[in-house]
Amino acid sequence: KKRKKGPLSPSAAASSAAPSANQQHRLFDLPQDVQRVVFFPLLGRDGLVLLRRTCPLGTHRVSEDYIKSQINRLLVAKNIRNIISYRVRPRVRMRPMAFLLRLLYIIDNSG
């Protein structure tokens, strides 16, 4: 016999539903340093772009400073810090954040 599924408890229904406009994702309950050090590196460049585009807190947490720190980390890790330098100009053909994300992708995927 199959068991009939009863109605979900209010807490179970709330936890399984997508967050509404006035709720934040549980990700943002993590301390910001844990987000930056542990979670964001797991997302990769594409995940960071999606996080920035999908919610206001994502836009705030994945900041230009964070992306620059990741670029600088990769330059040191790949031992090319003295070979490549970059400067973000306020008005280039693309937005500064798009420029930084593309640069991060190129450095991360280069040999």
N, C-alpha and C. Protein backbone atom coordinates (compact mmCIF):
# COMPACT_ATOMS: atom_id res chain seq x y z
N LYS A 1 0.82 -1.19 0.00
CA LYS A 1 0.00 0.00 0.00
C LYS A 1 0.87 1.25 0.00
N LYS A 2 0.42 2.22 -0.73
CA LYS A 2 1.11 3.51 -0.73
C LYS A 2 0.53 4.38 0.36
N ARG A 3 1.44 5.08 1.02
CA ARG A 3 1.00 6.02 2.05
C ARG A 3 0.50 7.29 1.41
N LYS A 4 -0.58 7.78 1.91
CA LYS A 4 -1.06 9.07 1.43
C LYS A 4 -0.22 10.17 2.06
N LYS A 5 0.13 11.11 1.24
CA LYS A 5 0.90 12.23 1.76
C LYS A 5 -0.05 13.26 2.32
N GLY A 6 0.19 13.62 3.55
CA GLY A 6 -0.62 14.65 4.20
C GLY A 6 -0.11 16.02 3.84
N PRO A 7 -0.81 17.03 4.27
CA PRO A 7 -0.34 18.40 3.99
C PRO A 7 0.97 18.66 4.73
N LEU A 8 1.77 19.50 4.13
CA LEU A 8 3.05 19.87 4.75
C LEU A 8 2.81 20.77 5.95
N SER A 9 3.68 20.62 6.93
CA SER A 9 3.60 21.54 8.06
C SER A 9 3.99 22.93 7.57
N PRO A 10 3.56 23.97 8.25
CA PRO A 10 3.90 25.34 7.79
C PRO A 10 5.40 25.56 7.67
N SER A 11 6.19 25.00 8.60
CA SER A 11 7.64 25.22 8.53
C SER A 11 8.24 24.47 7.35
N ALA A 12 7.75 23.26 7.06
CA ALA A 12 8.27 22.51 5.92
C ALA A 12 7.89 23.19 4.61
N ALA A 13 6.67 23.68 4.54
CA ALA A 13 6.23 24.37 3.32
C ALA A 13 7.05 25.64 3.11
N ALA A 14 7.33 26.34 4.18
CA ALA A 14 8.10 27.59 4.06
C ALA A 14 9.53 27.31 3.64
N SER A 15 10.13 26.22 4.15
CA SER A 15 11.52 25.94 3.82
C SER A 15 11.68 25.40 2.40
N SER A 16 10.63 24.77 1.84
CA SER A 16 10.75 24.22 0.50
C SER A 16 10.35 25.21 -0.58
N ALA A 17 9.68 26.26 -0.21
CA ALA A 17 9.23 27.25 -1.19
C ALA A 17 10.38 28.18 -1.55
N ALA A 18 10.30 28.72 -2.75
CA ALA A 18 11.31 29.71 -3.16
C ALA A 18 11.12 30.97 -2.33
N PRO A 19 12.22 31.67 -2.02
CA PRO A 19 12.10 32.89 -1.22
C PRO A 19 11.28 33.95 -1.95
N SER A 20 10.48 34.65 -1.21
CA SER A 20 9.70 35.73 -1.80
C SER A 20 10.57 36.98 -1.86
N ALA A 21 10.00 38.04 -2.39
CA ALA A 21 10.77 39.27 -2.59
C ALA A 21 11.31 39.84 -1.29
N ASN A 22 10.59 39.65 -0.18
CA ASN A 22 11.05 40.23 1.08
C ASN A 22 11.89 39.27 1.91
N GLN A 23 12.15 38.07 1.40
CA GLN A 23 13.01 37.11 2.10
C GLN A 23 14.35 37.06 1.39
N GLN A 24 15.37 36.65 2.12
CA GLN A 24 16.67 36.48 1.49
C GLN A 24 17.00 34.99 1.44
N HIS A 25 17.88 34.62 0.54
CA HIS A 25 18.30 33.24 0.43
C HIS A 25 19.09 32.85 1.67
N ARG A 26 19.06 31.58 2.01
CA ARG A 26 19.80 31.12 3.19
C ARG A 26 21.30 31.32 3.05
N LEU A 27 21.77 31.38 1.82
CA LEU A 27 23.19 31.63 1.59
C LEU A 27 23.65 32.86 2.33
N PHE A 28 22.83 33.89 2.36
CA PHE A 28 23.24 35.14 2.96
C PHE A 28 23.15 35.11 4.49
N ASP A 29 22.73 33.99 5.06
CA ASP A 29 22.81 33.81 6.51
C ASP A 29 24.23 33.46 6.93
N LEU A 30 25.04 32.98 5.99
CA LEU A 30 26.44 32.68 6.28
C LEU A 30 27.19 33.97 6.53
N PRO A 31 28.20 33.95 7.40
CA PRO A 31 29.03 35.15 7.56
C PRO A 31 29.68 35.53 6.22
N GLN A 32 29.86 36.82 6.00
CA GLN A 32 30.38 37.28 4.71
C GLN A 32 31.77 36.73 4.41
N ASP A 33 32.63 36.57 5.43
CA ASP A 33 33.95 36.03 5.15
C ASP A 33 33.87 34.57 4.72
N VAL A 34 32.92 33.80 5.25
CA VAL A 34 32.72 32.41 4.82
C VAL A 34 32.22 32.39 3.38
N GLN A 35 31.34 33.31 3.05
CA GLN A 35 30.86 33.39 1.67
C GLN A 35 32.03 33.63 0.71
N ARG A 36 32.88 34.60 1.05
CA ARG A 36 33.99 34.96 0.16
C ARG A 36 35.06 33.89 0.09
N VAL A 37 35.42 33.31 1.23
CA VAL A 37 36.55 32.38 1.27
C VAL A 37 36.15 30.96 0.85
N VAL A 38 34.96 30.52 1.24
CA VAL A 38 34.57 29.13 1.01
C VAL A 38 33.60 28.99 -0.16
N PHE A 39 32.51 29.75 -0.13
CA PHE A 39 31.43 29.51 -1.08
C PHE A 39 31.69 30.10 -2.47
N PHE A 40 32.10 31.36 -2.54
CA PHE A 40 32.27 32.02 -3.83
C PHE A 40 33.28 31.30 -4.73
N PRO A 41 34.43 30.82 -4.20
CA PRO A 41 35.35 30.09 -5.08
C PRO A 41 34.72 28.84 -5.70
N LEU A 42 33.76 28.24 -5.01
CA LEU A 42 33.09 27.06 -5.56
C LEU A 42 32.16 27.42 -6.72
N LEU A 43 31.67 28.63 -6.73
CA LEU A 43 30.74 29.05 -7.78
C LEU A 43 31.42 29.22 -9.13
N GLY A 44 32.67 29.66 -9.12
CA GLY A 44 33.34 29.96 -10.37
C GLY A 44 32.83 31.27 -10.96
N ARG A 45 33.42 31.65 -12.07
CA ARG A 45 33.08 32.93 -12.68
C ARG A 45 31.62 33.00 -13.09
N ASP A 46 31.12 31.96 -13.74
CA ASP A 46 29.72 31.97 -14.19
C ASP A 46 28.75 32.06 -13.03
N GLY A 47 29.05 31.34 -11.96
CA GLY A 47 28.18 31.39 -10.78
C GLY A 47 28.17 32.76 -10.13
N LEU A 48 29.32 33.42 -10.11
CA LEU A 48 29.38 34.77 -9.55
C LEU A 48 28.56 35.74 -10.38
N VAL A 49 28.63 35.59 -11.71
CA VAL A 49 27.84 36.45 -12.59
C VAL A 49 26.35 36.24 -12.32
N LEU A 50 25.94 34.97 -12.22
CA LEU A 50 24.52 34.69 -11.96
C LEU A 50 24.08 35.22 -10.61
N LEU A 51 24.93 35.06 -9.60
CA LEU A 51 24.58 35.55 -8.27
C LEU A 51 24.41 37.07 -8.28
N ARG A 52 25.29 37.76 -9.00
CA ARG A 52 25.17 39.22 -9.10
C ARG A 52 23.89 39.64 -9.81
N ARG A 53 23.48 38.86 -10.80
CA ARG A 53 22.32 39.24 -11.61
C ARG A 53 20.98 38.84 -11.01
N THR A 54 20.97 37.90 -10.08
CA THR A 54 19.68 37.36 -9.63
C THR A 54 19.13 38.02 -8.38
N CYS A 55 19.95 38.68 -7.60
CA CYS A 55 19.39 39.29 -6.39
C CYS A 55 20.22 40.50 -5.97
N PRO A 56 19.60 41.46 -5.31
CA PRO A 56 20.31 42.67 -4.87
C PRO A 56 21.45 42.36 -3.90
N LEU A 57 21.25 41.42 -2.98
CA LEU A 57 22.33 41.09 -2.06
C LEU A 57 23.51 40.45 -2.79
N GLY A 58 23.22 39.67 -3.82
CA GLY A 58 24.30 39.09 -4.61
C GLY A 58 25.13 40.17 -5.28
N THR A 59 24.46 41.18 -5.78
CA THR A 59 25.15 42.31 -6.40
C THR A 59 26.05 43.01 -5.39
N HIS A 60 25.57 43.15 -4.18
CA HIS A 60 26.34 43.81 -3.13
C HIS A 60 27.51 42.94 -2.65
N ARG A 61 27.26 41.66 -2.45
CA ARG A 61 28.29 40.78 -1.87
C ARG A 61 29.40 40.42 -2.86
N VAL A 62 29.06 40.22 -4.13
CA VAL A 62 30.08 39.94 -5.14
C VAL A 62 30.50 41.29 -5.71
N SER A 63 31.34 41.96 -4.98
CA SER A 63 31.69 43.35 -5.31
C SER A 63 32.89 43.41 -6.25
N GLU A 64 33.13 44.60 -6.74
CA GLU A 64 34.30 44.84 -7.58
C GLU A 64 35.58 44.54 -6.81
N ASP A 65 35.61 44.90 -5.54
CA ASP A 65 36.79 44.63 -4.71
C ASP A 65 37.04 43.13 -4.57
N TYR A 66 35.97 42.35 -4.43
CA TYR A 66 36.13 40.89 -4.33
C TYR A 66 36.71 40.33 -5.62
N ILE A 67 36.18 40.76 -6.76
CA ILE A 67 36.67 40.26 -8.05
C ILE A 67 38.14 40.66 -8.24
N LYS A 68 38.49 41.89 -7.87
CA LYS A 68 39.89 42.32 -7.97
C LYS A 68 40.79 41.46 -7.08
N SER A 69 40.33 41.12 -5.88
CA SER A 69 41.14 40.28 -4.99
C SER A 69 41.35 38.90 -5.61
N GLN A 70 40.34 38.38 -6.31
CA GLN A 70 40.49 37.08 -6.97
C GLN A 70 41.45 37.16 -8.15
N ILE A 71 41.40 38.24 -8.89
CA ILE A 71 42.34 38.44 -10.00
C ILE A 71 43.76 38.51 -9.45
N ASN A 72 43.97 39.30 -8.40
CA ASN A 72 45.30 39.43 -7.81
C ASN A 72 45.79 38.10 -7.25
N ARG A 73 44.89 37.33 -6.65
CA ARG A 73 45.26 36.00 -6.12
C ARG A 73 45.73 35.09 -7.25
N LEU A 74 45.03 35.10 -8.37
CA LEU A 74 45.41 34.27 -9.51
C LEU A 74 46.73 34.73 -10.14
N LEU A 75 46.94 36.04 -10.21
CA LEU A 75 48.20 36.55 -10.75
C LEU A 75 49.38 36.06 -9.92
N VAL A 76 49.23 36.05 -8.61
CA VAL A 76 50.29 35.55 -7.73
C VAL A 76 50.43 34.04 -7.87
N ALA A 77 49.31 33.32 -7.86
CA ALA A 77 49.34 31.86 -7.92
C ALA A 77 49.96 31.36 -9.23
N LYS A 78 49.73 32.07 -10.32
CA LYS A 78 50.27 31.67 -11.62
C LYS A 78 51.63 32.31 -11.90
N ASN A 79 52.14 33.05 -10.92
CA ASN A 79 53.45 33.68 -11.00
C ASN A 79 53.55 34.62 -12.21
N ILE A 80 52.50 35.38 -12.44
CA ILE A 80 52.51 36.34 -13.55
C ILE A 80 52.21 37.76 -13.07
N ARG A 81 52.36 37.96 -11.79
CA ARG A 81 52.05 39.28 -11.22
C ARG A 81 52.91 40.38 -11.81
N ASN A 82 54.18 40.09 -12.09
CA ASN A 82 55.07 41.11 -12.65
C ASN A 82 54.99 41.19 -14.17
N ILE A 83 54.22 40.31 -14.78
CA ILE A 83 54.08 40.30 -16.24
C ILE A 83 52.81 41.03 -16.67
N ILE A 84 51.74 40.82 -15.93
CA ILE A 84 50.44 41.40 -16.27
C ILE A 84 50.04 42.40 -15.20
N SER A 85 49.59 43.54 -15.64
CA SER A 85 48.97 44.49 -14.72
C SER A 85 47.68 44.97 -15.37
N TYR A 86 46.78 45.48 -14.58
CA TYR A 86 45.51 45.95 -15.13
C TYR A 86 45.06 47.18 -14.38
N ARG A 87 44.26 47.96 -15.06
CA ARG A 87 43.66 49.15 -14.46
C ARG A 87 42.27 49.29 -15.05
N VAL A 88 41.31 49.52 -14.21
CA VAL A 88 39.94 49.66 -14.67
C VAL A 88 39.66 51.13 -14.89
N ARG A 89 39.37 51.47 -16.11
CA ARG A 89 39.02 52.85 -16.43
C ARG A 89 37.52 53.02 -16.27
N PRO A 90 37.10 54.17 -15.77
CA PRO A 90 35.67 54.36 -15.51
C PRO A 90 34.80 54.23 -16.76
N ARG A 91 35.22 54.74 -17.86
CA ARG A 91 34.40 54.68 -19.08
C ARG A 91 35.16 53.98 -20.19
N VAL A 92 35.04 52.68 -20.24
CA VAL A 92 35.57 51.91 -21.35
C VAL A 92 34.38 51.37 -22.13
N ARG A 93 34.64 50.61 -23.18
CA ARG A 93 33.55 50.10 -24.00
C ARG A 93 32.60 49.21 -23.20
N MET A 94 33.13 48.51 -22.22
CA MET A 94 32.26 47.67 -21.39
C MET A 94 32.28 48.18 -19.96
N ARG A 95 31.33 47.79 -19.20
CA ARG A 95 31.27 48.21 -17.80
C ARG A 95 32.45 47.66 -17.04
N PRO A 96 32.91 48.37 -16.00
CA PRO A 96 34.06 47.90 -15.24
C PRO A 96 33.89 46.48 -14.68
N MET A 97 32.71 46.15 -14.18
CA MET A 97 32.52 44.82 -13.61
C MET A 97 32.58 43.75 -14.69
N ALA A 98 32.03 44.02 -15.86
CA ALA A 98 32.10 43.06 -16.97
C ALA A 98 33.56 42.85 -17.38
N PHE A 99 34.33 43.95 -17.42
CA PHE A 99 35.75 43.86 -17.74
C PHE A 99 36.47 42.97 -16.72
N LEU A 100 36.23 43.21 -15.44
CA LEU A 100 36.90 42.44 -14.40
C LEU A 100 36.51 40.96 -14.45
N LEU A 101 35.25 40.67 -14.67
CA LEU A 101 34.81 39.27 -14.74
C LEU A 101 35.43 38.56 -15.94
N ARG A 102 35.53 39.25 -17.07
CA ARG A 102 36.18 38.64 -18.24
C ARG A 102 37.66 38.42 -17.99
N LEU A 103 38.30 39.39 -17.37
CA LEU A 103 39.72 39.24 -17.04
C LEU A 103 39.92 38.07 -16.08
N LEU A 104 39.08 37.95 -15.08
CA LEU A 104 39.15 36.83 -14.15
C LEU A 104 39.02 35.51 -14.89
N TYR A 105 38.09 35.43 -15.82
CA TYR A 105 37.87 34.21 -16.60
C TYR A 105 39.11 33.87 -17.42
N ILE A 106 39.69 34.86 -18.10
CA ILE A 106 40.86 34.63 -18.95
C ILE A 106 42.04 34.15 -18.12
N ILE A 107 42.30 34.80 -17.01
CA ILE A 107 43.44 34.41 -16.17
C ILE A 107 43.21 33.04 -15.57
N ASP A 108 41.99 32.78 -15.11
CA ASP A 108 41.68 31.50 -14.47
C ASP A 108 41.80 30.34 -15.45
N ASN A 109 41.45 30.54 -16.71
CA ASN A 109 41.45 29.46 -17.69
C ASN A 109 42.70 29.42 -18.57
N SER A 110 43.63 30.32 -18.32
CA SER A 110 44.87 30.31 -19.11
C SER A 110 45.83 29.27 -18.54
N GLY A 111 46.81 28.92 -19.33
CA GLY A 111 47.76 27.89 -18.93
C GLY A 111 48.79 28.30 -17.98
